[in-house]
């Protein structure tokens, strides 16, 4: 038997995802600031690309959170 669809805490979970993603993004930016001269161009580009994906994810989480709040 499937579980009932309980969406009561979706906004809380989405905010946690936003916070965690923002923290990871900041840590990666701090890492780049501290070690930019020590890492390869490829590694730097990989981190920057991942941070762009993080920003997109955060935007998606925000939109989803707004949708949940409107329901």
PDB file of N, CA and C in Angstrom:
ATOM      1  N   UNK A   1       0.840  -1.167   0.000  1.00  0.00           N
ATOM      2  CA  UNK A   1       0.000   0.000   0.000  1.00  0.00           C
ATOM      3  C   UNK A   1       0.897   1.245   0.000  1.00  0.00           C
ATOM      4  N   UNK A   2       0.543   2.207  -0.842  1.00  0.00           N
ATOM      5  CA  UNK A   2       1.366   3.411  -0.930  1.00  0.00           C
ATOM      6  C   UNK A   2       1.043   4.373   0.207  1.00  0.00           C
ATOM      7  N   UNK A   3       2.023   5.194   0.483  1.00  0.00           N
ATOM      8  CA  UNK A   3       1.867   6.182   1.552  1.00  0.00           C
ATOM      9  C   UNK A   3       1.012   7.340   1.048  1.00  0.00           C
ATOM     10  N   UNK A   4       0.241   7.954   1.926  1.00  0.00           N
ATOM     11  CA  UNK A   4      -0.533   9.127   1.515  1.00  0.00           C
ATOM     12  C   UNK A   4       0.391  10.288   1.154  1.00  0.00           C
ATOM     13  N   UNK A   5      -0.071  11.143   0.277  1.00  0.00           N
ATOM     14  CA  UNK A   5       0.721  12.289  -0.179  1.00  0.00           C
ATOM     15  C   UNK A   5       0.657  13.394   0.870  1.00  0.00           C
ATOM     16  N   UNK A   6       1.669  13.432   1.729  1.00  0.00           N
ATOM     17  CA  UNK A   6       1.723  14.441   2.780  1.00  0.00           C
ATOM     18  C   UNK A   6       2.697  15.526   2.346  1.00  0.00           C
ATOM     19  N   UNK A   7       2.173  16.674   1.963  1.00  0.00           N
ATOM     20  CA  UNK A   7       3.002  17.756   1.465  1.00  0.00           C
ATOM     21  C   UNK A   7       3.139  18.879   2.480  1.00  0.00           C
ATOM     22  N   UNK A   8       2.759  18.613   3.702  1.00  0.00           N
ATOM     23  CA  UNK A   8       2.736  19.659   4.725  1.00  0.00           C
ATOM     24  C   UNK A   8       4.108  20.283   4.976  1.00  0.00           C
ATOM     25  N   UNK A   9       5.147  19.506   4.840  1.00  0.00           N
ATOM     26  CA  UNK A   9       6.476  20.035   5.161  1.00  0.00           C
ATOM     27  C   UNK A   9       7.354  20.249   3.925  1.00  0.00           C
ATOM     28  N   UNK A  10       6.751  20.280   2.751  1.00  0.00           N
ATOM     29  CA  UNK A  10       7.543  20.490   1.538  1.00  0.00           C
ATOM     30  C   UNK A  10       8.290  21.815   1.546  1.00  0.00           C
ATOM     31  N   UNK A  11       7.647  22.868   2.021  1.00  0.00           N
ATOM     32  CA  UNK A  11       8.316  24.171   2.060  1.00  0.00           C
ATOM     33  C   UNK A  11       9.552  24.127   2.941  1.00  0.00           C
ATOM     34  N   UNK A  12       9.457  23.428   4.069  1.00  0.00           N
ATOM     35  CA  UNK A  12      10.594  23.296   4.985  1.00  0.00           C
ATOM     36  C   UNK A  12      11.723  22.545   4.298  1.00  0.00           C
ATOM     37  N   UNK A  13      11.385  21.447   3.624  1.00  0.00           N
ATOM     38  CA  UNK A  13      12.415  20.657   2.940  1.00  0.00           C
ATOM     39  C   UNK A  13      13.054  21.453   1.801  1.00  0.00           C
ATOM     40  N   UNK A  14      12.247  22.184   1.067  1.00  0.00           N
ATOM     41  CA  UNK A  14      12.791  22.994  -0.018  1.00  0.00           C
ATOM     42  C   UNK A  14      13.731  24.064   0.527  1.00  0.00           C
ATOM     43  N   UNK A  15      13.377  24.675   1.646  1.00  0.00           N
ATOM     44  CA  UNK A  15      14.251  25.686   2.244  1.00  0.00           C
ATOM     45  C   UNK A  15      15.561  25.052   2.699  1.00  0.00           C
ATOM     46  N   UNK A  16      15.491  23.844   3.210  1.00  0.00           N
ATOM     47  CA  UNK A  16      16.723  23.140   3.604  1.00  0.00           C
ATOM     48  C   UNK A  16      17.604  22.892   2.384  1.00  0.00           C
ATOM     49  N   UNK A  17      16.983  22.509   1.262  1.00  0.00           N
ATOM     50  CA  UNK A  17      17.749  22.301   0.028  1.00  0.00           C
ATOM     51  C   UNK A  17      18.402  23.606  -0.424  1.00  0.00           C
ATOM     52  N   UNK A  18      17.656  24.690  -0.342  1.00  0.00           N
ATOM     53  CA  UNK A  18      18.193  26.001  -0.725  1.00  0.00           C
ATOM     54  C   UNK A  18      19.380  26.359   0.168  1.00  0.00           C
ATOM     55  N   UNK A  19      19.214  26.200   1.464  1.00  0.00           N
ATOM     56  CA  UNK A  19      20.287  26.536   2.408  1.00  0.00           C
ATOM     57  C   UNK A  19      21.527  25.677   2.176  1.00  0.00           C
ATOM     58  N   UNK A  20      21.339  24.374   1.992  1.00  0.00           N
ATOM     59  CA  UNK A  20      22.470  23.474   1.775  1.00  0.00           C
ATOM     60  C   UNK A  20      23.192  23.797   0.473  1.00  0.00           C
ATOM     61  N   UNK A  21      22.421  24.079  -0.565  1.00  0.00           N
ATOM     62  CA  UNK A  21      23.021  24.394  -1.860  1.00  0.00           C
ATOM     63  C   UNK A  21      23.779  25.713  -1.786  1.00  0.00           C
ATOM     64  N   UNK A  22      23.216  26.694  -1.095  1.00  0.00           N
ATOM     65  CA  UNK A  22      23.898  27.985  -0.934  1.00  0.00           C
ATOM     66  C   UNK A  22      25.200  27.815  -0.158  1.00  0.00           C
ATOM     67  N   UNK A  23      25.167  26.970   0.852  1.00  0.00           N
ATOM     68  CA  UNK A  23      26.377  26.711   1.636  1.00  0.00           C
ATOM     69  C   UNK A  23      27.446  26.042   0.776  1.00  0.00           C
ATOM     70  N   UNK A  24      27.057  25.061  -0.027  1.00  0.00           N
ATOM     71  CA  UNK A  24      28.013  24.389  -0.914  1.00  0.00           C
ATOM     72  C   UNK A  24      28.590  25.348  -1.940  1.00  0.00           C
ATOM     73  N   UNK A  25      27.744  26.223  -2.465  1.00  0.00           N
ATOM     74  CA  UNK A  25      28.196  27.213  -3.437  1.00  0.00           C
ATOM     75  C   UNK A  25      29.225  28.142  -2.794  1.00  0.00           C
ATOM     76  N   UNK A  26      28.938  28.602  -1.591  1.00  0.00           N
ATOM     77  CA  UNK A  26      29.861  29.512  -0.894  1.00  0.00           C
ATOM     78  C   UNK A  26      31.186  28.820  -0.576  1.00  0.00           C
ATOM     79  N   UNK A  27      31.114  27.577  -0.147  1.00  0.00           N
ATOM     80  CA  UNK A  27      32.350  26.831   0.138  1.00  0.00           C
ATOM     81  C   UNK A  27      33.196  26.679  -1.111  1.00  0.00           C
ATOM     82  N   UNK A  28      32.553  26.415  -2.241  1.00  0.00           N
ATOM     83  CA  UNK A  28      33.292  26.274  -3.496  1.00  0.00           C
ATOM     84  C   UNK A  28      33.911  27.601  -3.910  1.00  0.00           C
ATOM     85  N   UNK A  29      33.183  28.697  -3.737  1.00  0.00           N
ATOM     86  CA  UNK A  29      33.737  30.011  -4.065  1.00  0.00           C
ATOM     87  C   UNK A  29      34.906  30.358  -3.149  1.00  0.00           C
ATOM     88  N   UNK A  30      34.781  30.038  -1.871  1.00  0.00           N
ATOM     89  CA  UNK A  30      35.883  30.270  -0.933  1.00  0.00           C
ATOM     90  C   UNK A  30      37.110  29.442  -1.329  1.00  0.00           C
ATOM     91  N   UNK A  31      36.866  28.200  -1.725  1.00  0.00           N
ATOM     92  CA  UNK A  31      37.954  27.319  -2.157  1.00  0.00           C
ATOM     93  C   UNK A  31      38.666  27.933  -3.366  1.00  0.00           C
ATOM     94  N   UNK A  32      37.882  28.427  -4.324  1.00  0.00           N
ATOM     95  CA  UNK A  32      38.488  29.050  -5.498  1.00  0.00           C
ATOM     96  C   UNK A  32      39.302  30.281  -5.112  1.00  0.00           C
ATOM     97  N   UNK A  33      38.764  31.082  -4.212  1.00  0.00           N
ATOM     98  CA  UNK A  33      39.485  32.283  -3.773  1.00  0.00           C
ATOM     99  C   UNK A  33      40.821  31.932  -3.119  1.00  0.00           C
ATOM    100  N   UNK A  34      40.825  30.877  -2.328  1.00  0.00           N
ATOM    101  CA  UNK A  34      42.025  30.514  -1.577  1.00  0.00           C
ATOM    102  C   UNK A  34      43.042  29.726  -2.407  1.00  0.00           C
ATOM    103  N   UNK A  35      42.562  28.963  -3.392  1.00  0.00           N
ATOM    104  CA  UNK A  35      43.450  28.027  -4.093  1.00  0.00           C
ATOM    105  C   UNK A  35      43.503  28.238  -5.600  1.00  0.00           C
ATOM    106  N   UNK A  36      43.022  29.347  -6.093  1.00  0.00           N
ATOM    107  CA  UNK A  36      42.962  29.579  -7.539  1.00  0.00           C
ATOM    108  C   UNK A  36      44.318  29.399  -8.217  1.00  0.00           C
ATOM    109  N   UNK A  37      45.367  29.817  -7.551  1.00  0.00           N
ATOM    110  CA  UNK A  37      46.693  29.714  -8.168  1.00  0.00           C
ATOM    111  C   UNK A  37      47.270  28.302  -8.100  1.00  0.00           C
ATOM    112  N   UNK A  38      46.647  27.442  -7.307  1.00  0.00           N
ATOM    113  CA  UNK A  38      47.183  26.090  -7.105  1.00  0.00           C
ATOM    114  C   UNK A  38      46.455  25.017  -7.912  1.00  0.00           C
ATOM    115  N   UNK A  39      45.308  25.354  -8.480  1.00  0.00           N
ATOM    116  CA  UNK A  39      44.527  24.333  -9.180  1.00  0.00           C
ATOM    117  C   UNK A  39      44.610  24.543 -10.688  1.00  0.00           C
ATOM    118  N   UNK A  40      44.305  23.495 -11.411  1.00  0.00           N
ATOM    119  CA  UNK A  40      44.379  23.574 -12.866  1.00  0.00           C
ATOM    120  C   UNK A  40      43.208  24.384 -13.417  1.00  0.00           C
ATOM    121  N   UNK A  41      43.381  24.850 -14.625  1.00  0.00           N
ATOM    122  CA  UNK A  41      42.323  25.595 -15.297  1.00  0.00           C
ATOM    123  C   UNK A  41      41.085  24.713 -15.436  1.00  0.00           C
ATOM    124  N   UNK A  42      41.299  23.458 -15.729  1.00  0.00           N
ATOM    125  CA  UNK A  42      40.190  22.510 -15.888  1.00  0.00           C
ATOM    126  C   UNK A  42      39.398  22.354 -14.596  1.00  0.00           C
ATOM    127  N   UNK A  43      40.106  22.208 -13.479  1.00  0.00           N
ATOM    128  CA  UNK A  43      39.428  22.064 -12.184  1.00  0.00           C
ATOM    129  C   UNK A  43      38.651  23.330 -11.846  1.00  0.00           C
ATOM    130  N   UNK A  44      39.239  24.486 -12.116  1.00  0.00           N
ATOM    131  CA  UNK A  44      38.570  25.754 -11.864  1.00  0.00           C
ATOM    132  C   UNK A  44      37.297  25.850 -12.694  1.00  0.00           C
ATOM    133  N   UNK A  45      37.380  25.471 -13.961  1.00  0.00           N
ATOM    134  CA  UNK A  45      36.207  25.514 -14.833  1.00  0.00           C
ATOM    135  C   UNK A  45      35.124  24.546 -14.356  1.00  0.00           C
ATOM    136  N   UNK A  46      35.539  23.383 -13.889  1.00  0.00           N
ATOM    137  CA  UNK A  46      34.579  22.399 -13.368  1.00  0.00           C
ATOM    138  C   UNK A  46      33.835  22.952 -12.155  1.00  0.00           C
ATOM    139  N   UNK A  47      34.565  23.590 -11.258  1.00  0.00           N
ATOM    140  CA  UNK A  47      33.953  24.159 -10.051  1.00  0.00           C
ATOM    141  C   UNK A  47      33.008  25.295 -10.430  1.00  0.00           C
ATOM    142  N   UNK A  48      33.442  26.138 -11.345  1.00  0.00           N
ATOM    143  CA  UNK A  48      32.587  27.247 -11.773  1.00  0.00           C
ATOM    144  C   UNK A  48      31.316  26.743 -12.454  1.00  0.00           C
ATOM    145  N   UNK A  49      31.441  25.692 -13.266  1.00  0.00           N
ATOM    146  CA  UNK A  49      30.270  25.118 -13.933  1.00  0.00           C
ATOM    147  C   UNK A  49      29.312  24.511 -12.908  1.00  0.00           C
ATOM    148  N   UNK A  50      29.881  23.838 -11.927  1.00  0.00           N
ATOM    149  CA  UNK A  50      29.041  23.246 -10.880  1.00  0.00           C
ATOM    150  C   UNK A  50      28.324  24.336 -10.098  1.00  0.00           C
ATOM    151  N   UNK A  51      28.994  25.439  -9.832  1.00  0.00           N
ATOM    152  CA  UNK A  51      28.360  26.537  -9.120  1.00  0.00           C
ATOM    153  C   UNK A  51      27.214  27.144  -9.936  1.00  0.00           C
ATOM    154  N   UNK A  52      27.364  27.189 -11.248  1.00  0.00           N
ATOM    155  CA  UNK A  52      26.268  27.672 -12.094  1.00  0.00           C
ATOM    156  C   UNK A  52      25.065  26.735 -11.984  1.00  0.00           C
ATOM    157  N   UNK A  53      25.324  25.442 -11.978  1.00  0.00           N
ATOM    158  CA  UNK A  53      24.233  24.478 -11.808  1.00  0.00           C
ATOM    159  C   UNK A  53      23.593  24.627 -10.433  1.00  0.00           C
ATOM    160  N   UNK A  54      24.403  24.908  -9.424  1.00  0.00           N
ATOM    161  CA  UNK A  54      23.858  25.136  -8.079  1.00  0.00           C
ATOM    162  C   UNK A  54      22.931  26.342  -8.075  1.00  0.00           C
ATOM    163  N   UNK A  55      23.330  27.417  -8.738  1.00  0.00           N
ATOM    164  CA  UNK A  55      22.489  28.615  -8.804  1.00  0.00           C
ATOM    165  C   UNK A  55      21.165  28.301  -9.502  1.00  0.00           C
ATOM    166  N   UNK A  56      21.224  27.519 -10.559  1.00  0.00           N
ATOM    167  CA  UNK A  56      20.002  27.127 -11.258  1.00  0.00           C
ATOM    168  C   UNK A  56      19.116  26.270 -10.360  1.00  0.00           C
ATOM    169  N   UNK A  57      19.722  25.364  -9.619  1.00  0.00           N
ATOM    170  CA  UNK A  57      18.962  24.522  -8.694  1.00  0.00           C
ATOM    171  C   UNK A  57      18.279  25.361  -7.629  1.00  0.00           C
ATOM    172  N   UNK A  58      19.010  26.313  -7.090  1.00  0.00           N
ATOM    173  CA  UNK A  58      18.438  27.173  -6.055  1.00  0.00           C
ATOM    174  C   UNK A  58      17.245  27.951  -6.609  1.00  0.00           C
ATOM    175  N   UNK A  59      17.359  28.422  -7.825  1.00  0.00           N
ATOM    176  CA  UNK A  59      16.257  29.142  -8.460  1.00  0.00           C
ATOM    177  C   UNK A  59      15.044  28.224  -8.614  1.00  0.00           C
ATOM    178  N   UNK A  60      15.291  26.994  -9.039  1.00  0.00           N
ATOM    179  CA  UNK A  60      14.206  26.027  -9.167  1.00  0.00           C
ATOM    180  C   UNK A  60      13.562  25.710  -7.831  1.00  0.00           C
ATOM    181  N   UNK A  61      14.379  25.555  -6.793  1.00  0.00           N
ATOM    182  CA  UNK A  61      13.847  25.296  -5.458  1.00  0.00           C
ATOM    183  C   UNK A  61      12.979  26.470  -4.994  1.00  0.00           C
ATOM    184  N   UNK A  62      13.428  27.697  -5.274  1.00  0.00           N
ATOM    185  CA  UNK A  62      12.668  28.889  -4.884  1.00  0.00           C
ATOM    186  C   UNK A  62      11.307  28.903  -5.581  1.00  0.00           C
ATOM    187  N   UNK A  63      11.303  28.597  -6.880  1.00  0.00           N
ATOM    188  CA  UNK A  63      10.044  28.573  -7.623  1.00  0.00           C
ATOM    189  C   UNK A  63       9.107  27.505  -7.064  1.00  0.00           C
ATOM    190  N   UNK A  64       9.652  26.348  -6.791  1.00  0.00           N
ATOM    191  CA  UNK A  64       8.849  25.262  -6.252  1.00  0.00           C
ATOM    192  C   UNK A  64       8.311  25.627  -4.868  1.00  0.00           C
ATOM    193  N   UNK A  65       9.133  26.283  -4.076  1.00  0.00           N
ATOM    194  CA  UNK A  65       8.702  26.715  -2.737  1.00  0.00           C
ATOM    195  C   UNK A  65       7.556  27.714  -2.851  1.00  0.00           C
ATOM    196  N   UNK A  66       7.657  28.643  -3.793  1.00  0.00           N
ATOM    197  CA  UNK A  66       6.574  29.607  -4.012  1.00  0.00           C
ATOM    198  C   UNK A  66       5.290  28.894  -4.430  1.00  0.00           C
ATOM    199  N   UNK A  67       5.410  27.893  -5.297  1.00  0.00           N
ATOM    200  CA  UNK A  67       4.246  27.107  -5.711  1.00  0.00           C
ATOM    201  C   UNK A  67       3.607  26.415  -4.514  1.00  0.00           C
ATOM    202  N   UNK A  68       4.449  25.844  -3.654  1.00  0.00           N
ATOM    203  CA  UNK A  68       3.927  25.165  -2.466  1.00  0.00           C
ATOM    204  C   UNK A  68       3.224  26.135  -1.534  1.00  0.00           C
ATOM    205  N   UNK A  69       3.760  27.345  -1.413  1.00  0.00           N
ATOM    206  CA  UNK A  69       3.161  28.337  -0.519  1.00  0.00           C
ATOM    207  C   UNK A  69       1.801  28.799  -1.045  1.00  0.00           C
ATOM    208  N   UNK A  70       1.637  28.776  -2.354  1.00  0.00           N
ATOM    209  CA  UNK A  70       0.386  29.213  -2.954  1.00  0.00           C
ATOM    210  C   UNK A  70      -0.720  28.172  -2.891  1.00  0.00           C
ATOM    211  N   UNK A  71      -0.391  26.973  -2.481  1.00  0.00           N
ATOM    212  CA  UNK A  71      -1.399  25.900  -2.449  1.00  0.00           C
ATOM    213  C   UNK A  71      -2.086  25.813  -1.126  1.00  0.00           C
TER     214      UNK A  71
END
